Amino acid sequence: MIAKTPKTPYYAVIFTSKMTDFNKDYDKTANRMVELAKNQKGFLGIESARNDLGITVSYWESLESIKSWKNESEHKLAQQKGKETWYASFKVRICKVERDYEF
């Protein structure tokens, strides 16, 4: 589903990852993180796709709301589990969305 975002500007966090072969509880945790993020102040929406490469883009009102999400305690535990178990590699990019349009 394509996220419904507000009028620009807003921010996007792009999380790109390659998984390891060990993914026990990954889907459960990923779904929990989406539900948790939806309750965070400043959260605007999320889009995600996974094949060999996973890409998740979350949308936020401000850099402060992104920082707050990064430091949320349950999210921090999931980040650690990802580094230790689920991800072979990942990259995070934070972008300011200046313009968007749709069809």
N, C-alpha and C. Protein backbone atom coordinates (compact mmCIF):
# COMPACT_ATOMS: atom_id res chain seq x y z
N MET A 1 0.84 -1.17 0.00
CA MET A 1 0.00 0.00 0.00
C MET A 1 0.89 1.25 0.00
N ILE A 2 0.52 2.23 -0.75
CA ILE A 2 1.26 3.48 -0.81
C ILE A 2 0.77 4.38 0.32
N ALA A 3 1.71 4.88 1.11
CA ALA A 3 1.38 5.74 2.26
C ALA A 3 0.77 7.05 1.80
N LYS A 4 -0.24 7.50 2.52
CA LYS A 4 -0.84 8.82 2.29
C LYS A 4 -0.06 9.82 3.14
N THR A 5 0.70 10.66 2.51
CA THR A 5 1.53 11.62 3.22
C THR A 5 0.96 13.03 3.08
N PRO A 6 1.32 13.91 4.02
CA PRO A 6 0.78 15.28 3.99
C PRO A 6 1.50 16.15 2.97
N LYS A 7 1.11 17.37 2.92
CA LYS A 7 1.79 18.36 2.09
C LYS A 7 3.25 18.46 2.53
N THR A 8 4.14 18.58 1.57
CA THR A 8 5.57 18.70 1.88
C THR A 8 5.85 20.04 2.56
N PRO A 9 6.95 20.13 3.30
CA PRO A 9 7.98 19.12 3.48
C PRO A 9 7.67 18.18 4.65
N TYR A 10 8.24 17.00 4.58
CA TYR A 10 8.24 16.02 5.66
C TYR A 10 9.50 15.18 5.46
N TYR A 11 9.72 14.18 6.29
CA TYR A 11 10.95 13.41 6.23
C TYR A 11 10.68 11.95 5.93
N ALA A 12 11.64 11.31 5.28
CA ALA A 12 11.58 9.88 4.98
C ALA A 12 12.82 9.21 5.55
N VAL A 13 12.62 8.07 6.19
CA VAL A 13 13.72 7.22 6.64
C VAL A 13 13.70 6.00 5.73
N ILE A 14 14.76 5.80 4.99
CA ILE A 14 14.87 4.68 4.05
C ILE A 14 15.79 3.64 4.68
N PHE A 15 15.23 2.46 4.96
CA PHE A 15 15.98 1.37 5.57
C PHE A 15 16.10 0.26 4.53
N THR A 16 17.33 0.02 4.08
CA THR A 16 17.61 -1.00 3.07
C THR A 16 18.42 -2.11 3.73
N SER A 17 18.03 -3.37 3.50
CA SER A 17 18.69 -4.46 4.22
C SER A 17 18.82 -5.73 3.39
N LYS A 18 19.83 -6.51 3.74
CA LYS A 18 20.03 -7.87 3.26
C LYS A 18 19.93 -8.77 4.48
N MET A 19 19.12 -9.81 4.37
CA MET A 19 18.89 -10.72 5.49
C MET A 19 19.95 -11.82 5.56
N THR A 20 20.13 -12.36 6.75
CA THR A 20 20.91 -13.59 6.92
C THR A 20 19.95 -14.75 6.62
N ASP A 21 20.40 -15.96 6.77
CA ASP A 21 19.54 -17.13 6.60
C ASP A 21 18.70 -17.41 7.84
N PHE A 22 19.02 -16.75 8.94
CA PHE A 22 18.29 -16.97 10.20
C PHE A 22 17.26 -15.86 10.38
N ASN A 23 15.99 -16.20 10.23
CA ASN A 23 14.96 -15.17 10.35
C ASN A 23 13.84 -15.53 11.32
N LYS A 24 14.14 -16.41 12.28
CA LYS A 24 13.14 -16.79 13.29
C LYS A 24 12.63 -15.53 14.01
N ASP A 25 11.31 -15.38 14.06
CA ASP A 25 10.62 -14.27 14.74
C ASP A 25 10.77 -12.92 14.03
N TYR A 26 11.43 -12.89 12.87
CA TYR A 26 11.61 -11.62 12.19
C TYR A 26 10.27 -10.99 11.80
N ASP A 27 9.41 -11.74 11.13
CA ASP A 27 8.13 -11.19 10.68
C ASP A 27 7.29 -10.69 11.84
N LYS A 28 7.27 -11.45 12.92
CA LYS A 28 6.52 -11.06 14.12
C LYS A 28 7.05 -9.73 14.66
N THR A 29 8.36 -9.61 14.75
CA THR A 29 8.97 -8.39 15.27
C THR A 29 8.76 -7.22 14.31
N ALA A 30 8.91 -7.47 13.01
CA ALA A 30 8.71 -6.40 12.02
C ALA A 30 7.28 -5.87 12.10
N ASN A 31 6.31 -6.75 12.20
CA ASN A 31 4.91 -6.32 12.33
C ASN A 31 4.68 -5.53 13.62
N ARG A 32 5.32 -5.97 14.69
CA ARG A 32 5.21 -5.25 15.96
C ARG A 32 5.81 -3.85 15.85
N MET A 33 6.94 -3.71 15.14
CA MET A 33 7.57 -2.40 14.98
C MET A 33 6.67 -1.45 14.19
N VAL A 34 5.96 -1.96 13.19
CA VAL A 34 5.04 -1.11 12.43
C VAL A 34 3.92 -0.62 13.34
N GLU A 35 3.34 -1.52 14.13
CA GLU A 35 2.27 -1.13 15.05
C GLU A 35 2.77 -0.12 16.08
N LEU A 36 3.96 -0.33 16.58
CA LEU A 36 4.56 0.58 17.56
C LEU A 36 4.84 1.95 16.93
N ALA A 37 5.38 1.95 15.73
CA ALA A 37 5.68 3.21 15.04
C ALA A 37 4.42 4.03 14.80
N LYS A 38 3.32 3.35 14.46
CA LYS A 38 2.06 4.04 14.21
C LYS A 38 1.59 4.86 15.41
N ASN A 39 2.04 4.48 16.60
CA ASN A 39 1.66 5.19 17.83
C ASN A 39 2.65 6.27 18.24
N GLN A 40 3.71 6.43 17.46
CA GLN A 40 4.73 7.43 17.78
C GLN A 40 4.29 8.81 17.29
N LYS A 41 4.55 9.82 18.09
CA LYS A 41 4.27 11.18 17.68
C LYS A 41 5.08 11.50 16.42
N GLY A 42 4.42 12.06 15.42
CA GLY A 42 5.10 12.46 14.20
C GLY A 42 5.14 11.42 13.10
N PHE A 43 4.64 10.21 13.37
CA PHE A 43 4.63 9.16 12.34
C PHE A 43 3.57 9.49 11.31
N LEU A 44 3.93 9.35 10.02
CA LEU A 44 3.01 9.68 8.92
C LEU A 44 2.60 8.48 8.07
N GLY A 45 3.43 7.46 8.00
CA GLY A 45 3.11 6.29 7.19
C GLY A 45 4.33 5.46 6.90
N ILE A 46 4.10 4.31 6.23
CA ILE A 46 5.20 3.38 5.96
C ILE A 46 4.90 2.60 4.67
N GLU A 47 5.96 2.26 3.96
CA GLU A 47 5.90 1.41 2.77
C GLU A 47 7.05 0.43 2.86
N SER A 48 6.81 -0.82 2.43
CA SER A 48 7.86 -1.83 2.56
C SER A 48 7.75 -2.87 1.46
N ALA A 49 8.90 -3.35 1.00
CA ALA A 49 8.96 -4.42 0.01
C ALA A 49 10.19 -5.27 0.31
N ARG A 50 10.07 -6.58 0.06
CA ARG A 50 11.21 -7.46 0.30
C ARG A 50 11.25 -8.56 -0.75
N ASN A 51 12.41 -8.67 -1.37
CA ASN A 51 12.77 -9.81 -2.20
C ASN A 51 14.15 -10.22 -1.71
N ASP A 52 15.15 -10.17 -2.55
CA ASP A 52 16.51 -10.40 -2.09
C ASP A 52 17.00 -9.22 -1.26
N LEU A 53 16.49 -8.05 -1.58
CA LEU A 53 16.83 -6.82 -0.88
C LEU A 53 15.55 -6.27 -0.27
N GLY A 54 15.60 -5.89 0.99
CA GLY A 54 14.43 -5.30 1.64
C GLY A 54 14.56 -3.79 1.69
N ILE A 55 13.46 -3.10 1.42
CA ILE A 55 13.44 -1.65 1.52
C ILE A 55 12.18 -1.25 2.26
N THR A 56 12.36 -0.52 3.34
CA THR A 56 11.25 0.03 4.10
C THR A 56 11.46 1.53 4.18
N VAL A 57 10.42 2.28 3.84
CA VAL A 57 10.46 3.73 3.93
C VAL A 57 9.39 4.15 4.91
N SER A 58 9.81 4.83 5.98
CA SER A 58 8.84 5.39 6.92
C SER A 58 8.88 6.90 6.79
N TYR A 59 7.73 7.52 7.03
CA TYR A 59 7.57 8.97 6.84
C TYR A 59 7.26 9.62 8.18
N TRP A 60 7.89 10.80 8.40
CA TRP A 60 7.83 11.47 9.69
C TRP A 60 7.67 12.97 9.52
N GLU A 61 7.08 13.60 10.52
CA GLU A 61 6.87 15.05 10.50
C GLU A 61 8.16 15.83 10.67
N SER A 62 9.10 15.29 11.46
CA SER A 62 10.28 16.07 11.83
C SER A 62 11.48 15.17 12.13
N LEU A 63 12.65 15.78 12.17
CA LEU A 63 13.85 15.06 12.59
C LEU A 63 13.74 14.64 14.05
N GLU A 64 13.07 15.44 14.86
CA GLU A 64 12.89 15.11 16.28
C GLU A 64 12.05 13.85 16.44
N SER A 65 11.01 13.70 15.62
CA SER A 65 10.17 12.50 15.72
C SER A 65 10.95 11.26 15.26
N ILE A 66 11.84 11.41 14.29
CA ILE A 66 12.69 10.30 13.85
C ILE A 66 13.64 9.89 14.97
N LYS A 67 14.24 10.87 15.62
CA LYS A 67 15.17 10.59 16.72
C LYS A 67 14.44 9.89 17.87
N SER A 68 13.24 10.35 18.17
CA SER A 68 12.45 9.74 19.23
C SER A 68 12.14 8.28 18.90
N TRP A 69 11.79 8.00 17.65
CA TRP A 69 11.53 6.62 17.22
C TRP A 69 12.79 5.77 17.32
N LYS A 70 13.92 6.29 16.88
CA LYS A 70 15.18 5.55 16.94
C LYS A 70 15.51 5.14 18.37
N ASN A 71 15.15 6.00 19.33
CA ASN A 71 15.50 5.75 20.73
C ASN A 71 14.39 5.08 21.54
N GLU A 72 13.27 4.73 20.91
CA GLU A 72 12.19 4.04 21.62
C GLU A 72 12.70 2.69 22.10
N SER A 73 12.44 2.34 23.36
CA SER A 73 13.08 1.19 24.01
C SER A 73 12.83 -0.15 23.30
N GLU A 74 11.61 -0.45 22.93
CA GLU A 74 11.33 -1.72 22.25
C GLU A 74 11.95 -1.74 20.86
N HIS A 75 11.97 -0.59 20.20
CA HIS A 75 12.61 -0.48 18.89
C HIS A 75 14.12 -0.70 19.01
N LYS A 76 14.72 -0.18 20.08
CA LYS A 76 16.17 -0.37 20.29
C LYS A 76 16.50 -1.86 20.45
N LEU A 77 15.64 -2.60 21.15
CA LEU A 77 15.85 -4.05 21.30
C LEU A 77 15.77 -4.75 19.94
N ALA A 78 14.81 -4.36 19.11
CA ALA A 78 14.68 -4.95 17.78
C ALA A 78 15.89 -4.60 16.92
N GLN A 79 16.40 -3.38 17.04
CA GLN A 79 17.59 -2.98 16.29
C GLN A 79 18.77 -3.88 16.66
N GLN A 80 18.94 -4.12 17.95
CA GLN A 80 20.05 -4.97 18.41
C GLN A 80 19.90 -6.40 17.89
N LYS A 81 18.68 -6.94 17.95
CA LYS A 81 18.43 -8.29 17.44
C LYS A 81 18.74 -8.35 15.94
N GLY A 82 18.37 -7.30 15.22
CA GLY A 82 18.67 -7.24 13.79
C GLY A 82 20.16 -7.30 13.52
N LYS A 83 20.93 -6.52 14.27
CA LYS A 83 22.39 -6.50 14.08
C LYS A 83 23.01 -7.85 14.42
N GLU A 84 22.50 -8.49 15.47
CA GLU A 84 23.08 -9.74 15.94
C GLU A 84 22.64 -10.96 15.13
N THR A 85 21.42 -10.92 14.57
CA THR A 85 20.82 -12.14 14.03
C THR A 85 20.29 -12.02 12.62
N TRP A 86 19.43 -11.05 12.34
CA TRP A 86 18.64 -11.04 11.11
C TRP A 86 19.33 -10.43 9.90
N TYR A 87 20.15 -9.41 10.09
CA TYR A 87 20.69 -8.68 8.95
C TYR A 87 22.14 -9.02 8.66
N ALA A 88 22.41 -9.33 7.39
CA ALA A 88 23.79 -9.48 6.94
C ALA A 88 24.40 -8.09 6.77
N SER A 89 23.55 -7.14 6.32
CA SER A 89 23.96 -5.74 6.19
C SER A 89 22.72 -4.87 6.08
N PHE A 90 22.88 -3.59 6.40
CA PHE A 90 21.79 -2.64 6.21
C PHE A 90 22.34 -1.23 6.11
N LYS A 91 21.51 -0.34 5.60
CA LYS A 91 21.87 1.07 5.50
C LYS A 91 20.61 1.88 5.79
N VAL A 92 20.79 2.99 6.51
CA VAL A 92 19.70 3.90 6.83
C VAL A 92 20.01 5.25 6.19
N ARG A 93 19.02 5.80 5.52
CA ARG A 93 19.15 7.13 4.92
C ARG A 93 17.98 7.97 5.42
N ILE A 94 18.26 9.20 5.81
CA ILE A 94 17.22 10.11 6.26
C ILE A 94 17.19 11.28 5.28
N CYS A 95 16.00 11.52 4.73
CA CYS A 95 15.85 12.50 3.66
C CYS A 95 14.71 13.47 3.97
N LYS A 96 14.87 14.69 3.55
CA LYS A 96 13.78 15.66 3.61
C LYS A 96 13.05 15.62 2.27
N VAL A 97 11.75 15.38 2.31
CA VAL A 97 10.95 15.33 1.09
C VAL A 97 10.48 16.75 0.80
N GLU A 98 10.96 17.29 -0.28
CA GLU A 98 10.65 18.67 -0.68
C GLU A 98 9.45 18.74 -1.61
N ARG A 99 9.24 17.65 -2.36
CA ARG A 99 8.16 17.64 -3.33
C ARG A 99 7.70 16.22 -3.53
N ASP A 100 6.42 16.02 -3.72
CA ASP A 100 5.90 14.72 -4.14
C ASP A 100 4.70 14.93 -5.05
N TYR A 101 4.40 13.93 -5.82
CA TYR A 101 3.23 13.96 -6.70
C TYR A 101 2.81 12.53 -6.92
N GLU A 102 1.59 12.34 -7.42
CA GLU A 102 1.08 10.98 -7.56
C GLU A 102 0.17 10.83 -8.76
N PHE A 103 -0.10 9.58 -9.10
CA PHE A 103 -1.00 9.23 -10.17
C PHE A 103 -1.99 8.24 -9.62
